[in-house]
């Protein structure tokens, strides 16, 4: 068997994973992780048919290792890019907090603040337990404002059109004292 085979397959699979991660659809790997691993095991089958168990295991490890490295590299790049967006929103967070200290409530609209940016922001109403996810995939950040609180979400991975999905984001809420990186699980009509 050609020794370059697992390297080529791992590189091809890794390139697909890298593209998914860089476009924000890296969360696909979470839902398809078992299928992906089975696919890598099948791609290494030629060594197994030749009854070379050690070579088969080595090929699975090489293919999986290269592809995983590419995917995690893409995910790290995407997270770094979104951390720059997060950092650019720090003045907005400070303005919202200052507004609350002066007025005793949070602003209801972005117009009430003097914040300008080149980022694409989507403004939405802040309601406990009811989060509108429109624009999550098309904007740099979604800002939820209401008199009783605020939340800013900078999505790192894209929201998939499924009845239940998970996506990663940088999140700041009125109860937080710093940005947190966490995943959000969305089911129809509810977000956790």
Protein backbone atom coordinates (compact mmCIF):
# COMPACT_ATOMS: atom_id res chain seq x y z
CA UNK A 1 0.00 0.00 0.00
CA UNK A 2 1.15 3.50 -0.78
CA UNK A 3 2.52 5.13 2.39
CA UNK A 4 1.25 8.53 1.18
CA UNK A 5 -2.37 7.33 1.15
CA UNK A 6 -3.29 8.18 4.78
CA UNK A 7 -1.52 11.53 4.53
CA UNK A 8 -3.42 12.44 1.34
CA UNK A 9 -6.76 11.28 2.76
CA UNK A 10 -6.13 13.06 6.06
CA UNK A 11 -5.15 16.24 4.24
CA UNK A 12 -8.25 16.11 2.03
CA UNK A 13 -10.57 15.48 4.99
CA UNK A 14 -8.72 18.12 7.01
CA UNK A 15 -9.10 20.68 4.20
CA UNK A 16 -12.87 20.09 4.23
CA UNK A 17 -12.90 20.45 8.03
CA UNK A 18 -10.76 23.60 7.81
CA UNK A 19 -13.17 25.14 5.30
CA UNK A 20 -16.15 24.28 7.53
CA UNK A 21 -14.43 25.77 10.58
CA UNK A 22 -13.37 28.98 8.83
CA UNK A 23 -16.85 29.59 7.42
CA UNK A 24 -18.35 29.11 10.88
CA UNK A 25 -19.92 25.72 10.29
CA UNK A 26 -17.42 23.90 12.49
CA UNK A 27 -20.34 22.89 14.71
CA UNK A 28 -21.22 20.34 12.01
CA UNK A 29 -18.35 18.24 13.36
CA UNK A 30 -20.11 18.05 16.74
CA UNK A 31 -23.23 16.52 15.23
CA UNK A 32 -21.38 14.26 12.82
CA UNK A 33 -18.44 13.24 15.03
CA UNK A 34 -19.34 9.54 15.15
CA UNK A 35 -20.02 9.42 11.41
CA UNK A 36 -16.73 11.23 10.70
CA UNK A 37 -14.74 8.78 12.84
CA UNK A 38 -16.42 5.81 11.14
CA UNK A 39 -15.60 7.40 7.77
CA UNK A 40 -11.93 7.70 8.73
CA UNK A 41 -11.91 4.06 9.85
CA UNK A 42 -13.43 3.00 6.51
CA UNK A 43 -10.91 5.07 4.56
CA UNK A 44 -8.13 3.08 6.19
CA UNK A 45 -9.72 -0.31 5.31
CA UNK A 46 -7.32 -1.23 2.48
CA UNK A 47 -4.66 -2.00 5.11
CA UNK A 48 -7.14 -4.17 7.02
CA UNK A 49 -8.01 -6.18 3.89
CA UNK A 50 -4.34 -6.96 3.57
CA UNK A 51 -4.45 -8.30 7.16
CA UNK A 52 -2.10 -5.69 8.43
CA UNK A 53 -3.77 -4.66 11.67
CA UNK A 54 -0.86 -2.47 12.80
CA UNK A 55 -0.81 -0.63 9.46
CA UNK A 56 -4.62 -0.21 9.63
CA UNK A 57 -4.44 1.32 13.11
CA UNK A 58 -1.56 3.54 12.05
CA UNK A 59 -3.53 4.76 9.01
CA UNK A 60 -6.60 5.54 11.14
CA UNK A 61 -4.42 7.50 13.57
CA UNK A 62 -2.66 9.41 10.78
CA UNK A 63 -5.88 10.25 8.91
CA UNK A 64 -7.71 11.27 12.09
CA UNK A 65 -4.73 13.21 13.45
CA UNK A 66 -4.17 15.28 10.31
CA UNK A 67 -7.87 16.00 9.80
CA UNK A 68 -8.38 16.89 13.48
CA UNK A 69 -5.36 19.19 13.44
CA UNK A 70 -6.71 21.05 10.43
CA UNK A 71 -10.19 21.34 11.97
CA UNK A 72 -8.93 22.58 15.33
CA UNK A 73 -6.60 25.00 13.57
CA UNK A 74 -9.54 26.43 11.62
CA UNK A 75 -11.64 26.62 14.78
CA UNK A 76 -8.83 28.46 16.60
CA UNK A 77 -8.52 30.96 13.73
CA UNK A 78 -12.28 31.55 13.69
CA UNK A 79 -12.34 32.02 17.47
CA UNK A 80 -9.46 34.51 17.25
CA UNK A 81 -11.26 36.49 14.52
CA UNK A 82 -14.40 36.68 16.63
CA UNK A 83 -12.38 37.68 19.71
CA UNK A 84 -11.37 40.81 17.77
CA UNK A 85 -15.08 41.55 17.20
CA UNK A 86 -15.70 40.97 20.91
CA UNK A 87 -12.91 43.38 21.86
CA UNK A 88 -14.34 46.04 19.56
CA UNK A 89 -17.65 45.78 21.43
CA UNK A 90 -16.12 46.52 24.86
CA UNK A 91 -16.89 50.28 24.56
CA UNK A 92 -20.54 49.37 23.88
CA UNK A 93 -20.66 47.27 27.05
CA UNK A 94 -19.18 50.16 29.03
CA UNK A 95 -21.72 52.60 27.58
CA UNK A 96 -24.62 50.29 28.46
CA UNK A 97 -23.33 49.98 32.04
CA UNK A 98 -22.83 53.74 32.34
CA UNK A 99 -26.35 54.33 31.01
CA UNK A 100 -27.69 51.96 33.69
CA UNK A 101 -25.75 53.77 36.47
CA UNK A 102 -27.06 57.19 35.36
CA UNK A 103 -30.68 56.24 34.68
CA UNK A 104 -31.41 53.21 36.87
CA UNK A 105 -32.41 51.09 33.87
CA UNK A 106 -30.80 49.79 30.71
CA UNK A 107 -31.37 51.39 27.29
CA UNK A 108 -34.10 49.92 25.13
CA UNK A 109 -32.53 50.89 21.81
CA UNK A 110 -29.02 51.31 20.41
CA UNK A 111 -29.96 54.89 19.38
CA UNK A 112 -29.90 55.88 23.06
CA UNK A 113 -26.15 55.25 23.09
CA UNK A 114 -23.39 57.07 21.23
CA UNK A 115 -21.64 54.01 19.83
CA UNK A 116 -20.42 53.82 16.26
CA UNK A 117 -18.67 50.89 14.63
CA UNK A 118 -18.05 49.30 11.26
CA UNK A 119 -19.37 46.00 12.64
CA UNK A 120 -22.69 44.63 11.52
CA UNK A 121 -24.93 44.73 14.60
CA UNK A 122 -28.45 43.43 14.96
CA UNK A 123 -30.55 44.98 17.72
CA UNK A 124 -33.27 42.91 19.37
CA UNK A 125 -35.54 43.18 22.40
CA UNK A 126 -34.32 41.64 25.66
CA UNK A 127 -36.90 39.32 27.15
CA UNK A 128 -36.16 36.67 29.77
CA UNK A 129 -36.42 33.17 28.28
CA UNK A 130 -37.39 34.43 24.81
CA UNK A 131 -34.40 35.01 22.54
CA UNK A 132 -34.92 35.91 18.89
CA UNK A 133 -32.07 34.36 16.90
CA UNK A 134 -32.81 36.13 13.63
CA UNK A 135 -29.65 37.57 12.16
CA UNK A 136 -27.33 35.38 14.22
CA UNK A 137 -25.67 33.99 11.07
CA UNK A 138 -25.57 37.23 9.11
CA UNK A 139 -24.34 39.80 11.65
CA UNK A 140 -21.12 40.21 13.62
CA UNK A 141 -23.09 40.48 16.85
CA UNK A 142 -26.63 40.54 18.16
CA UNK A 143 -27.40 43.06 20.92
CA UNK A 144 -30.45 42.40 23.09
CA UNK A 145 -31.55 45.50 25.00
CA UNK A 146 -34.35 45.99 27.49
CA UNK A 147 -34.96 48.13 30.56
CA UNK A 148 -34.33 45.15 32.87
CA UNK A 149 -31.14 43.80 31.25
CA UNK A 150 -29.00 43.29 28.18
CA UNK A 151 -27.15 40.53 26.38
CA UNK A 152 -24.57 40.74 23.62
CA UNK A 153 -23.83 37.62 21.58
CA UNK A 154 -20.90 37.37 19.17
CA UNK A 155 -21.48 34.08 17.34
CA UNK A 156 -18.32 32.09 16.64
CA UNK A 157 -19.98 29.16 14.90
CA UNK A 158 -23.09 29.38 12.75
CA UNK A 159 -26.55 28.41 13.85
CA UNK A 160 -27.74 25.41 11.83
CA UNK A 161 -31.30 25.18 10.52
CA UNK A 162 -32.32 22.23 12.66
CA UNK A 163 -34.95 21.70 15.34
CA UNK A 164 -32.13 21.41 17.89
CA UNK A 165 -28.68 22.88 17.39
CA UNK A 166 -25.65 24.04 19.33
CA UNK A 167 -23.41 26.94 18.47
CA UNK A 168 -20.48 28.63 20.19
CA UNK A 169 -20.40 32.32 21.00
CA UNK A 170 -18.82 35.03 23.10
CA UNK A 171 -21.54 36.22 25.48
CA UNK A 172 -21.89 39.18 27.82
CA UNK A 173 -25.04 39.61 29.89
CA UNK A 174 -26.06 42.25 32.40
CA UNK A 175 -25.16 39.76 35.17
CA UNK A 176 -21.63 39.12 33.84
CA UNK A 177 -18.47 41.02 34.64
CA UNK A 178 -16.56 39.76 31.60
CA UNK A 179 -17.00 38.00 28.27
CA UNK A 180 -17.50 34.27 28.45
CA UNK A 181 -16.99 31.75 25.67
CA UNK A 182 -19.69 29.12 25.80
CA UNK A 183 -22.01 27.07 23.68
CA UNK A 184 -25.69 27.71 23.38
CA UNK A 185 -28.20 24.97 22.69
CA UNK A 186 -31.24 26.05 20.77
CA UNK A 187 -34.42 24.03 20.42
CA UNK A 188 -37.59 25.24 18.76
CA UNK A 189 -38.87 28.12 20.86
CA UNK A 190 -36.21 27.88 23.56
CA UNK A 191 -32.54 28.59 24.12
CA UNK A 192 -30.32 27.31 26.97
